[in-house]
Amino acid sequence: MLGFDAEDIIDYIDKWDDRVHPEDKEKYLTDIQLHIDNKTPYYENAQRVLTKSNEYKWILSRGKIIERDKKNKPLRIIGTHTDISIQKEKRG
């Protein structure tokens, strides 16, 4: 979706965070934190993410923590990333 090869995998959250457009980063991080803090039942956010070719694509991220430890710290999360660039471009 972002043009990376297998050896370029960015499945660590901090690597993804580094690619989020600066104008979108605050809301993106806030939305994730709200879910981590159990204030929202799931996470959903649309953000621009830098591709391998140094262009931005709009990505809709959705996720849900499915396992926490005894101190309520997240252990496992499931989710999806969907390219919504075409829909965003149509809206202007």
PDB file of N, CA and C in Angstrom:
ATOM      1  N   MET A   1       0.817  -1.189   0.000  1.00  0.00           N
ATOM      2  CA  MET A   1       0.000   0.000   0.000  1.00  0.00           C
ATOM      3  C   MET A   1       0.871   1.267   0.000  1.00  0.00           C
ATOM      4  N   LEU A   2       1.992   1.210   0.712  1.00  0.00           N
ATOM      5  CA  LEU A   2       2.877   2.371   0.771  1.00  0.00           C
ATOM      6  C   LEU A   2       4.116   2.219  -0.090  1.00  0.00           C
ATOM      7  N   GLY A   3       4.213   1.111  -0.822  1.00  0.00           N
ATOM      8  CA  GLY A   3       5.313   0.914  -1.759  1.00  0.00           C
ATOM      9  C   GLY A   3       6.571   0.305  -1.172  1.00  0.00           C
ATOM     10  N   PHE A   4       6.493  -0.198   0.040  1.00  0.00           N
ATOM     11  CA  PHE A   4       7.678  -0.780   0.662  1.00  0.00           C
ATOM     12  C   PHE A   4       7.857  -2.235   0.275  1.00  0.00           C
ATOM     13  N   ASP A   5       9.109  -2.678   0.255  1.00  0.00           N
ATOM     14  CA  ASP A   5       9.434  -4.080   0.022  1.00  0.00           C
ATOM     15  C   ASP A   5       9.428  -4.804   1.363  1.00  0.00           C
ATOM     16  N   ALA A   6       9.465  -6.124   1.329  1.00  0.00           N
ATOM     17  CA  ALA A   6       9.440  -6.930   2.547  1.00  0.00           C
ATOM     18  C   ALA A   6      10.544  -6.531   3.526  1.00  0.00           C
ATOM     19  N   GLU A   7      11.720  -6.223   3.010  1.00  0.00           N
ATOM     20  CA  GLU A   7      12.827  -5.857   3.903  1.00  0.00           C
ATOM     21  C   GLU A   7      12.658  -4.463   4.511  1.00  0.00           C
ATOM     22  N   ASP A   8      11.685  -3.706   4.017  1.00  0.00           N
ATOM     23  CA  ASP A   8      11.425  -2.356   4.528  1.00  0.00           C
ATOM     24  C   ASP A   8      10.281  -2.330   5.543  1.00  0.00           C
ATOM     25  N   ILE A   9       9.870  -3.480   6.027  1.00  0.00           N
ATOM     26  CA  ILE A   9       8.672  -3.584   6.867  1.00  0.00           C
ATOM     27  C   ILE A   9       8.652  -2.504   7.944  1.00  0.00           C
ATOM     28  N   ILE A  10       7.472  -1.866   8.082  1.00  0.00           N
ATOM     29  CA  ILE A  10       7.311  -0.829   9.100  1.00  0.00           C
ATOM     30  C   ILE A  10       6.202  -1.242  10.070  1.00  0.00           C
ATOM     31  N   ASP A  11       6.250  -2.475  10.556  1.00  0.00           N
ATOM     32  CA  ASP A  11       5.192  -2.957  11.432  1.00  0.00           C
ATOM     33  C   ASP A  11       5.358  -2.542  12.889  1.00  0.00           C
ATOM     34  N   TYR A  12       6.427  -1.855  13.209  1.00  0.00           N
ATOM     35  CA  TYR A  12       6.569  -1.319  14.554  1.00  0.00           C
ATOM     36  C   TYR A  12       5.890   0.033  14.597  1.00  0.00           C
ATOM     37  N   ILE A  13       5.130   0.268  15.660  1.00  0.00           N
ATOM     38  CA  ILE A  13       4.317   1.487  15.744  1.00  0.00           C
ATOM     39  C   ILE A  13       5.140   2.757  15.625  1.00  0.00           C
ATOM     40  N   ASP A  14       6.341   2.759  16.190  1.00  0.00           N
ATOM     41  CA  ASP A  14       7.144   3.988  16.118  1.00  0.00           C
ATOM     42  C   ASP A  14       7.590   4.282  14.693  1.00  0.00           C
ATOM     43  N   LYS A  15       7.822   3.254  13.897  1.00  0.00           N
ATOM     44  CA  LYS A  15       8.188   3.483  12.496  1.00  0.00           C
ATOM     45  C   LYS A  15       7.005   4.067  11.729  1.00  0.00           C
ATOM     46  N   TRP A  16       5.807   3.586  12.033  1.00  0.00           N
ATOM     47  CA  TRP A  16       4.603   4.144  11.414  1.00  0.00           C
ATOM     48  C   TRP A  16       4.422   5.590  11.868  1.00  0.00           C
ATOM     49  N   ASP A  17       4.553   5.832  13.165  1.00  0.00           N
ATOM     50  CA  ASP A  17       4.389   7.178  13.719  1.00  0.00           C
ATOM     51  C   ASP A  17       5.290   8.188  13.014  1.00  0.00           C
ATOM     52  N   ASP A  18       6.509   7.786  12.727  1.00  0.00           N
ATOM     53  CA  ASP A  18       7.470   8.674  12.077  1.00  0.00           C
ATOM     54  C   ASP A  18       7.060   9.051  10.658  1.00  0.00           C
ATOM     55  N   ARG A  19       6.179   8.273  10.038  1.00  0.00           N
ATOM     56  CA  ARG A  19       5.775   8.519   8.662  1.00  0.00           C
ATOM     57  C   ARG A  19       4.465   9.316   8.572  1.00  0.00           C
ATOM     58  N   VAL A  20       3.788   9.527   9.710  1.00  0.00           N
ATOM     59  CA  VAL A  20       2.532  10.286   9.713  1.00  0.00           C
ATOM     60  C   VAL A  20       2.836  11.763   9.471  1.00  0.00           C
ATOM     61  N   HIS A  21       2.041  12.383   8.609  1.00  0.00           N
ATOM     62  CA  HIS A  21       2.201  13.801   8.267  1.00  0.00           C
ATOM     63  C   HIS A  21       2.182  14.644   9.546  1.00  0.00           C
ATOM     64  N   PRO A  22       3.081  15.621   9.663  1.00  0.00           N
ATOM     65  CA  PRO A  22       3.147  16.453  10.871  1.00  0.00           C
ATOM     66  C   PRO A  22       1.815  17.117  11.249  1.00  0.00           C
ATOM     67  N   GLU A  23       1.023  17.511  10.264  1.00  0.00           N
ATOM     68  CA  GLU A  23      -0.268  18.155  10.554  1.00  0.00           C
ATOM     69  C   GLU A  23      -1.301  17.172  11.102  1.00  0.00           C
ATOM     70  N   ASP A  24      -1.088  15.878  10.910  1.00  0.00           N
ATOM     71  CA  ASP A  24      -2.040  14.858  11.347  1.00  0.00           C
ATOM     72  C   ASP A  24      -1.593  14.151  12.626  1.00  0.00           C
ATOM     73  N   LYS A  25      -0.350  14.353  13.003  1.00  0.00           N
ATOM     74  CA  LYS A  25       0.240  13.547  14.073  1.00  0.00           C
ATOM     75  C   LYS A  25      -0.434  13.745  15.431  1.00  0.00           C
ATOM     76  N   GLU A  26      -0.748  14.975  15.809  1.00  0.00           N
ATOM     77  CA  GLU A  26      -1.327  15.213  17.138  1.00  0.00           C
ATOM     78  C   GLU A  26      -2.661  14.480  17.302  1.00  0.00           C
ATOM     79  N   LYS A  27      -3.561  14.611  16.333  1.00  0.00           N
ATOM     80  CA  LYS A  27      -4.867  13.936  16.423  1.00  0.00           C
ATOM     81  C   LYS A  27      -4.686  12.426  16.373  1.00  0.00           C
ATOM     82  N   TYR A  28      -3.799  11.958  15.525  1.00  0.00           N
ATOM     83  CA  TYR A  28      -3.501  10.526  15.414  1.00  0.00           C
ATOM     84  C   TYR A  28      -3.061   9.966  16.772  1.00  0.00           C
ATOM     85  N   LEU A  29      -2.096  10.626  17.409  1.00  0.00           N
ATOM     86  CA  LEU A  29      -1.591  10.145  18.701  1.00  0.00           C
ATOM     87  C   LEU A  29      -2.641  10.284  19.801  1.00  0.00           C
ATOM     88  N   THR A  30      -3.437  11.345  19.756  1.00  0.00           N
ATOM     89  CA  THR A  30      -4.512  11.532  20.739  1.00  0.00           C
ATOM     90  C   THR A  30      -5.545  10.423  20.625  1.00  0.00           C
ATOM     91  N   ASP A  31      -5.950  10.108  19.403  1.00  0.00           N
ATOM     92  CA  ASP A  31      -6.961   9.068  19.200  1.00  0.00           C
ATOM     93  C   ASP A  31      -6.474   7.707  19.684  1.00  0.00           C
ATOM     94  N   ILE A  32      -5.215   7.402  19.440  1.00  0.00           N
ATOM     95  CA  ILE A  32      -4.655   6.138  19.935  1.00  0.00           C
ATOM     96  C   ILE A  32      -4.647   6.133  21.466  1.00  0.00           C
ATOM     97  N   GLN A  33      -4.201   7.236  22.062  1.00  0.00           N
ATOM     98  CA  GLN A  33      -4.102   7.299  23.520  1.00  0.00           C
ATOM     99  C   GLN A  33      -5.472   7.178  24.180  1.00  0.00           C
ATOM    100  N   LEU A  34      -6.500   7.771  23.578  1.00  0.00           N
ATOM    101  CA  LEU A  34      -7.851   7.637  24.124  1.00  0.00           C
ATOM    102  C   LEU A  34      -8.270   6.175  24.201  1.00  0.00           C
ATOM    103  N   HIS A  35      -7.918   5.405  23.182  1.00  0.00           N
ATOM    104  CA  HIS A  35      -8.275   3.986  23.204  1.00  0.00           C
ATOM    105  C   HIS A  35      -7.419   3.228  24.222  1.00  0.00           C
ATOM    106  N   ILE A  36      -6.144   3.522  24.277  1.00  0.00           N
ATOM    107  CA  ILE A  36      -5.262   2.870  25.259  1.00  0.00           C
ATOM    108  C   ILE A  36      -5.776   3.140  26.676  1.00  0.00           C
ATOM    109  N   ASP A  37      -6.276   4.354  26.917  1.00  0.00           N
ATOM    110  CA  ASP A  37      -6.792   4.729  28.232  1.00  0.00           C
ATOM    111  C   ASP A  37      -8.220   4.251  28.482  1.00  0.00           C
ATOM    112  N   ASN A  38      -8.760   3.435  27.573  1.00  0.00           N
ATOM    113  CA  ASN A  38     -10.113   2.875  27.714  1.00  0.00           C
ATOM    114  C   ASN A  38     -11.212   3.929  27.649  1.00  0.00           C
ATOM    115  N   LYS A  39     -10.951   5.037  26.980  1.00  0.00           N
ATOM    116  CA  LYS A  39     -11.953   6.093  26.867  1.00  0.00           C
ATOM    117  C   LYS A  39     -12.772   5.949  25.582  1.00  0.00           C
ATOM    118  N   THR A  40     -12.291   5.135  24.656  1.00  0.00           N
ATOM    119  CA  THR A  40     -13.036   4.825  23.440  1.00  0.00           C
ATOM    120  C   THR A  40     -13.014   3.309  23.248  1.00  0.00           C
ATOM    121  N   PRO A  41     -14.086   2.736  22.692  1.00  0.00           N
ATOM    122  CA  PRO A  41     -14.145   1.276  22.550  1.00  0.00           C
ATOM    123  C   PRO A  41     -13.228   0.724  21.456  1.00  0.00           C
ATOM    124  N   TYR A  42     -12.795   1.581  20.550  1.00  0.00           N
ATOM    125  CA  TYR A  42     -11.886   1.192  19.475  1.00  0.00           C
ATOM    126  C   TYR A  42     -11.168   2.447  18.998  1.00  0.00           C
ATOM    127  N   TYR A  43     -10.174   2.253  18.152  1.00  0.00           N
ATOM    128  CA  TYR A  43      -9.398   3.354  17.598  1.00  0.00           C
ATOM    129  C   TYR A  43      -9.750   3.508  16.126  1.00  0.00           C
ATOM    130  N   GLU A  44      -9.957   4.753  15.693  1.00  0.00           N
ATOM    131  CA  GLU A  44     -10.167   5.035  14.268  1.00  0.00           C
ATOM    132  C   GLU A  44      -9.632   6.425  13.976  1.00  0.00           C
ATOM    133  N   ASN A  45      -8.830   6.525  12.920  1.00  0.00           N
ATOM    134  CA  ASN A  45      -8.241   7.806  12.551  1.00  0.00           C
ATOM    135  C   ASN A  45      -7.818   7.759  11.093  1.00  0.00           C
ATOM    136  N   ALA A  46      -8.022   8.877  10.389  1.00  0.00           N
ATOM    137  CA  ALA A  46      -7.520   9.031   9.024  1.00  0.00           C
ATOM    138  C   ALA A  46      -6.324   9.971   9.084  1.00  0.00           C
ATOM    139  N   GLN A  47      -5.209   9.518   8.540  1.00  0.00           N
ATOM    140  CA  GLN A  47      -4.001  10.331   8.547  1.00  0.00           C
ATOM    141  C   GLN A  47      -3.253  10.143   7.244  1.00  0.00           C
ATOM    142  N   ARG A  48      -2.464  11.160   6.898  1.00  0.00           N
ATOM    143  CA  ARG A  48      -1.587  11.044   5.735  1.00  0.00           C
ATOM    144  C   ARG A  48      -0.304  10.358   6.176  1.00  0.00           C
ATOM    145  N   VAL A  49       0.125   9.384   5.380  1.00  0.00           N
ATOM    146  CA  VAL A  49       1.320   8.605   5.708  1.00  0.00           C
ATOM    147  C   VAL A  49       2.281   8.657   4.521  1.00  0.00           C
ATOM    148  N   LEU A  50       3.543   8.887   4.828  1.00  0.00           N
ATOM    149  CA  LEU A  50       4.582   9.002   3.814  1.00  0.00           C
ATOM    150  C   LEU A  50       4.889   7.637   3.205  1.00  0.00           C
ATOM    151  N   THR A  51       4.864   7.580   1.874  1.00  0.00           N
ATOM    152  CA  THR A  51       5.161   6.337   1.158  1.00  0.00           C
ATOM    153  C   THR A  51       6.666   6.230   0.900  1.00  0.00           C
ATOM    154  N   LYS A  52       7.064   5.100   0.372  1.00  0.00           N
ATOM    155  CA  LYS A  52       8.473   4.907   0.032  1.00  0.00           C
ATOM    156  C   LYS A  52       8.943   5.927  -1.005  1.00  0.00           C
ATOM    157  N   SER A  53       8.037   6.353  -1.886  1.00  0.00           N
ATOM    158  CA  SER A  53       8.389   7.320  -2.934  1.00  0.00           C
ATOM    159  C   SER A  53       8.279   8.771  -2.446  1.00  0.00           C
ATOM    160  N   ASN A  54       8.175   8.960  -1.132  1.00  0.00           N
ATOM    161  CA  ASN A  54       8.112  10.284  -0.502  1.00  0.00           C
ATOM    162  C   ASN A  54       6.878  11.095  -0.892  1.00  0.00           C
ATOM    163  N   GLU A  55       5.781  10.408  -1.139  1.00  0.00           N
ATOM    164  CA  GLU A  55       4.490  11.048  -1.354  1.00  0.00           C
ATOM    165  C   GLU A  55       3.592  10.617  -0.201  1.00  0.00           C
ATOM    166  N   TYR A  56       2.552  11.386   0.057  1.00  0.00           N
ATOM    167  CA  TYR A  56       1.625  11.024   1.121  1.00  0.00           C
ATOM    168  C   TYR A  56       0.379  10.354   0.560  1.00  0.00           C
ATOM    169  N   LYS A  57      -0.086   9.342   1.279  1.00  0.00           N
ATOM    170  CA  LYS A  57      -1.368   8.699   0.993  1.00  0.00           C
ATOM    171  C   LYS A  57      -2.226   8.826   2.238  1.00  0.00           C
ATOM    172  N   TRP A  58      -3.526   8.986   2.018  1.00  0.00           N
ATOM    173  CA  TRP A  58      -4.468   8.993   3.130  1.00  0.00           C
ATOM    174  C   TRP A  58      -4.747   7.551   3.537  1.00  0.00           C
ATOM    175  N   ILE A  59      -4.556   7.272   4.816  1.00  0.00           N
ATOM    176  CA  ILE A  59      -4.770   5.932   5.352  1.00  0.00           C
ATOM    177  C   ILE A  59      -5.784   6.009   6.490  1.00  0.00           C
ATOM    178  N   LEU A  60      -6.800   5.160   6.423  1.00  0.00           N
ATOM    179  CA  LEU A  60      -7.755   5.020   7.518  1.00  0.00           C
ATOM    180  C   LEU A  60      -7.273   3.872   8.386  1.00  0.00           C
ATOM    181  N   SER A  61      -6.946   4.182   9.631  1.00  0.00           N
ATOM    182  CA  SER A  61      -6.488   3.172  10.582  1.00  0.00           C
ATOM    183  C   SER A  61      -7.613   2.873  11.558  1.00  0.00           C
ATOM    184  N   ARG A  62      -7.841   1.600  11.780  1.00  0.00           N
ATOM    185  CA  ARG A  62      -8.838   1.158  12.761  1.00  0.00           C
ATOM    186  C   ARG A  62      -8.208   0.069  13.602  1.00  0.00           C
ATOM    187  N   GLY A  63      -8.480   0.101  14.895  1.00  0.00           N
ATOM    188  CA  GLY A  63      -7.906  -0.921  15.751  1.00  0.00           C
ATOM    189  C   GLY A  63      -8.663  -1.067  17.050  1.00  0.00           C
ATOM    190  N   LYS A  64      -8.402  -2.194  17.708  1.00  0.00           N
ATOM    191  CA  LYS A  64      -9.029  -2.496  18.995  1.00  0.00           C
ATOM    192  C   LYS A  64      -8.071  -3.333  19.822  1.00  0.00           C
ATOM    193  N   ILE A  65      -7.887  -2.926  21.059  1.00  0.00           N
ATOM    194  CA  ILE A  65      -7.084  -3.711  21.986  1.00  0.00           C
ATOM    195  C   ILE A  65      -7.905  -4.923  22.374  1.00  0.00           C
ATOM    196  N   ILE A  66      -7.320  -6.106  22.207  1.00  0.00           N
ATOM    197  CA  ILE A  66      -8.066  -7.331  22.508  1.00  0.00           C
ATOM    198  C   ILE A  66      -7.523  -8.075  23.725  1.00  0.00           C
ATOM    199  N   GLU A  67      -6.417  -7.596  24.265  1.00  0.00           N
ATOM    200  CA  GLU A  67      -5.879  -8.226  25.472  1.00  0.00           C
ATOM    201  C   GLU A  67      -5.072  -7.198  26.262  1.00  0.00           C
ATOM    202  N   ARG A  68      -5.323  -7.183  27.580  1.00  0.00           N
ATOM    203  CA  ARG A  68      -4.594  -6.304  28.492  1.00  0.00           C
ATOM    204  C   ARG A  68      -4.050  -7.140  29.644  1.00  0.00           C
ATOM    205  N   ASP A  69      -3.002  -6.628  30.286  1.00  0.00           N
ATOM    206  CA  ASP A  69      -2.472  -7.332  31.450  1.00  0.00           C
ATOM    207  C   ASP A  69      -3.257  -6.927  32.700  1.00  0.00           C
ATOM    208  N   LYS A  70      -2.832  -7.421  33.863  1.00  0.00           N
ATOM    209  CA  LYS A  70      -3.547  -7.154  35.114  1.00  0.00           C
ATOM    210  C   LYS A  70      -3.536  -5.680  35.497  1.00  0.00           C
ATOM    211  N   LYS A  71      -2.573  -4.936  34.971  1.00  0.00           N
ATOM    212  CA  LYS A  71      -2.493  -3.497  35.236  1.00  0.00           C
ATOM    213  C   LYS A  71      -3.168  -2.677  34.139  1.00  0.00           C
ATOM    214  N   ASN A  72      -3.896  -3.369  33.260  1.00  0.00           N
ATOM    215  CA  ASN A  72      -4.644  -2.757  32.152  1.00  0.00           C
ATOM    216  C   ASN A  72      -3.757  -2.243  31.020  1.00  0.00           C
ATOM    217  N   LYS A  73      -2.512  -2.663  30.992  1.00  0.00           N
ATOM    218  CA  LYS A  73      -1.609  -2.284  29.903  1.00  0.00           C
ATOM    219  C   LYS A  73      -1.928  -3.139  28.669  1.00  0.00           C
ATOM    220  N   PRO A  74      -2.021  -2.523  27.488  1.00  0.00           N
ATOM    221  CA  PRO A  74      -2.329  -3.294  26.273  1.00  0.00           C
ATOM    222  C   PRO A  74      -1.251  -4.340  25.973  1.00  0.00           C
ATOM    223  N   LEU A  75      -1.707  -5.544  25.660  1.00  0.00           N
ATOM    224  CA  LEU A  75      -0.799  -6.616  25.256  1.00  0.00           C
ATOM    225  C   LEU A  75      -0.953  -6.951  23.772  1.00  0.00           C
ATOM    226  N   ARG A  76      -2.187  -6.919  23.278  1.00  0.00           N
ATOM    227  CA  ARG A  76      -2.446  -7.256  21.863  1.00  0.00           C
ATOM    228  C   ARG A  76      -3.500  -6.326  21.297  1.00  0.00           C
ATOM    229  N   ILE A  77      -3.273  -5.963  20.038  1.00  0.00           N
ATOM    230  CA  ILE A  77      -4.228  -5.120  19.329  1.00  0.00           C
ATOM    231  C   ILE A  77      -4.417  -5.691  17.924  1.00  0.00           C
ATOM    232  N   ILE A  78      -5.610  -5.600  17.425  1.00  0.00           N
ATOM    233  CA  ILE A  78      -5.870  -5.980  16.040  1.00  0.00           C
ATOM    234  C   ILE A  78      -6.351  -4.734  15.307  1.00  0.00           C
ATOM    235  N   GLY A  79      -6.134  -4.714  14.002  1.00  0.00           N
ATOM    236  CA  GLY A  79      -6.589  -3.554  13.264  1.00  0.00           C
ATOM    237  C   GLY A  79      -6.308  -3.654  11.785  1.00  0.00           C
ATOM    238  N   THR A  80      -6.697  -2.596  11.100  1.00  0.00           N
ATOM    239  CA  THR A  80      -6.518  -2.535   9.651  1.00  0.00           C
ATOM    240  C   THR A  80      -6.045  -1.148   9.248  1.00  0.00           C
ATOM    241  N   HIS A  81      -5.397  -1.104   8.110  1.00  0.00           N
ATOM    242  CA  HIS A  81      -5.049   0.145   7.440  1.00  0.00           C
ATOM    243  C   HIS A  81      -5.658   0.070   6.047  1.00  0.00           C
ATOM    244  N   THR A  82      -6.392   1.101   5.661  1.00  0.00           N
ATOM    245  CA  THR A  82      -7.047   1.144   4.362  1.00  0.00           C
ATOM    246  C   THR A  82      -6.647   2.423   3.639  1.00  0.00           C
ATOM    247  N   ASP A  83      -6.229   2.300   2.389  1.00  0.00           N
ATOM    248  CA  ASP A  83      -5.893   3.462   1.567  1.00  0.00           C
ATOM    249  C   ASP A  83      -7.191   4.136   1.142  1.00  0.00           C
ATOM    250  N   ILE A  84      -7.412   5.358   1.622  1.00  0.00           N
ATOM    251  CA  ILE A  84      -8.613   6.121   1.292  1.00  0.00           C
ATOM    252  C   ILE A  84      -8.270   7.372   0.493  1.00  0.00           C
ATOM    253  N   SER A  85      -7.122   7.372  -0.143  1.00  0.00           N
ATOM    254  CA  SER A  85      -6.655   8.545  -0.898  1.00  0.00           C
ATOM    255  C   SER A  85      -7.650   8.980  -1.966  1.00  0.00           C
ATOM    256  N   ILE A  86      -8.185   8.036  -2.724  1.00  0.00           N
ATOM    257  CA  ILE A  86      -9.115   8.374  -3.800  1.00  0.00           C
ATOM    258  C   ILE A  86     -10.366   9.052  -3.239  1.00  0.00           C
ATOM    259  N   GLN A  87     -10.907   8.525  -2.139  1.00  0.00           N
ATOM    260  CA  GLN A  87     -12.084   9.124  -1.539  1.00  0.00           C
ATOM    261  C   GLN A  87     -11.780  10.535  -1.027  1.00  0.00           C
ATOM    262  N   LYS A  88     -10.635  10.729  -0.420  1.00  0.00           N
ATOM    263  CA  LYS A  88     -10.244  12.053   0.088  1.00  0.00           C
ATOM    264  C   LYS A  88     -10.061  13.047  -1.055  1.00  0.00           C
ATOM    265  N   GLU A  89      -9.453  12.599  -2.152  1.00  0.00           N
ATOM    266  CA  GLU A  89      -9.235  13.477  -3.307  1.00  0.00           C
ATOM    267  C   GLU A  89     -10.553  13.900  -3.944  1.00  0.00           C
ATOM    268  N   LYS A  90     -11.546  13.021  -3.969  1.00  0.00           N
ATOM    269  CA  LYS A  90     -12.853  13.339  -4.543  1.00  0.00           C
ATOM    270  C   LYS A  90     -13.564  14.400  -3.728  1.00  0.00           C
ATOM    271  N   ARG A  91     -13.328  14.394  -2.413  1.00  0.00           N
ATOM    272  CA  ARG A  91     -13.978  15.366  -1.522  1.00  0.00           C
ATOM    273  C   ARG A  91     -13.299  16.724  -1.587  1.00  0.00           C
ATOM    274  N   GLY A  92     -12.068  16.738  -2.062  1.00  0.00           N
ATOM    275  CA  GLY A  92     -11.355  18.006  -2.208  1.00  0.00           C
ATOM    276  C   GLY A  92     -10.600  18.326  -1.022  1.00  0.00           C
TER     277      GLY A  92
END
